[in-house]
Amino acid sequence: MNKSELIDAIATSADIPKAAATRALDAMIDSVTDTLKQGDSVALVGFGTFSVKERAARTGRNPQTGQPINIDAAKVPSFKAGKALKDAVN
């Protein structure tokens, strides 16, 4: 499912126009992004938690040459599924 298909599903499920569903989805994505930028997490009970994790610096290898390269430390977004989502998938 891509973004436009998700918008269609939201519009149908909530019985709202596609334009309103688009604005709602974009607002949700922007809110989660802004919260993660600040270093906070977003917990949606029953769905899961979006958070930021620290990835340590490490040494990798260039797959073409085999030469070692340094990979800098980074902050990466992560998602941990909640129990209800895990149960629904299984």
Protein backbone atom coordinates (compact mmCIF):
# COMPACT_ATOMS: atom_id res chain seq x y z
CA MET A 1 0.00 0.00 0.00
CA ASN A 2 1.37 3.39 -0.94
CA LYS A 3 0.42 6.84 0.35
CA SER A 4 -2.38 7.47 -2.16
CA GLU A 5 -3.93 4.06 -1.43
CA LEU A 6 -3.72 4.81 2.31
CA ILE A 7 -5.45 8.16 1.74
CA ASP A 8 -8.22 6.37 -0.19
CA ALA A 9 -8.64 3.87 2.66
CA ILE A 10 -8.77 6.63 5.29
CA ALA A 11 -11.31 8.63 3.26
CA THR A 12 -13.52 5.59 2.81
CA SER A 13 -13.25 4.40 6.40
CA ALA A 14 -13.83 7.83 7.98
CA ASP A 15 -16.40 8.89 5.35
CA ILE A 16 -14.51 12.12 4.60
CA PRO A 17 -13.30 13.66 1.34
CA LYS A 18 -9.90 12.62 0.00
CA ALA A 19 -8.58 16.17 0.45
CA ALA A 20 -9.40 16.06 4.17
CA ALA A 21 -7.86 12.60 4.50
CA THR A 22 -4.70 13.88 2.77
CA ARG A 23 -4.45 16.85 5.15
CA ALA A 24 -5.02 14.58 8.16
CA LEU A 25 -2.36 12.08 7.09
CA ASP A 26 0.15 14.83 6.26
CA ALA A 27 -0.51 16.49 9.64
CA MET A 28 0.04 13.18 11.44
CA ILE A 29 3.29 12.52 9.59
CA ASP A 30 4.52 16.08 10.23
CA SER A 31 3.65 15.84 13.93
CA VAL A 32 5.48 12.54 14.37
CA THR A 33 8.49 13.88 12.44
CA ASP A 34 8.65 17.08 14.50
CA THR A 35 8.38 15.14 17.76
CA LEU A 36 11.16 12.76 16.73
CA LYS A 37 13.36 15.71 15.68
CA GLN A 38 13.06 17.01 19.26
CA GLY A 39 14.24 13.63 20.56
CA ASP A 40 10.89 12.62 22.04
CA SER A 41 8.87 9.51 21.27
CA VAL A 42 5.29 9.08 20.03
CA ALA A 43 3.28 6.27 21.65
CA LEU A 44 0.02 5.20 20.04
CA VAL A 45 -1.58 2.74 22.46
CA GLY A 46 -2.41 -0.54 20.72
CA PHE A 47 -0.46 0.43 17.59
CA GLY A 48 3.13 1.08 18.59
CA THR A 49 5.81 3.57 19.52
CA PHE A 50 7.93 5.74 17.26
CA SER A 51 11.25 6.74 18.82
CA VAL A 52 14.80 7.87 18.02
CA LYS A 53 17.74 5.56 18.65
CA GLU A 54 21.45 6.30 18.65
CA ARG A 55 23.54 4.24 16.23
CA ALA A 56 27.19 4.05 17.29
CA ALA A 57 30.07 4.80 14.93
CA ARG A 58 31.49 1.69 13.34
CA THR A 59 33.81 0.43 10.66
CA GLY A 60 32.29 -0.94 7.48
CA ARG A 61 33.62 -2.20 4.16
CA ASN A 62 33.24 -0.82 0.67
CA PRO A 63 31.62 -3.77 -1.16
CA GLN A 64 33.36 -2.91 -4.45
CA THR A 65 36.92 -2.55 -3.17
CA GLY A 66 36.86 -4.28 0.21
CA GLN A 67 38.52 -1.22 1.77
CA PRO A 68 37.46 -0.41 5.33
CA ILE A 69 35.50 2.82 5.75
CA ASN A 70 34.39 4.71 8.85
CA ILE A 71 30.64 5.06 9.33
CA ASP A 72 29.71 7.98 11.59
CA ALA A 73 27.38 7.74 14.55
CA ALA A 74 23.79 8.66 13.69
CA LYS A 75 20.34 9.10 15.13
CA VAL A 76 17.83 6.81 13.42
CA PRO A 77 14.05 6.58 13.71
CA SER A 78 12.63 3.31 14.97
CA PHE A 79 9.21 1.78 15.45
CA LYS A 80 8.23 -0.84 17.98
CA ALA A 81 4.88 -2.50 17.30
CA GLY A 82 2.36 -2.65 20.13
CA LYS A 83 0.69 -5.83 21.35
CA ALA A 84 -2.59 -5.21 19.53
CA LEU A 85 -0.78 -4.71 16.20
CA LYS A 86 1.34 -7.82 16.73
CA ASP A 87 -1.74 -9.87 17.59
CA ALA A 88 -3.62 -8.54 14.54
CA VAL A 89 -0.78 -9.55 12.21
CA ASN A 90 -0.47 -13.02 13.71
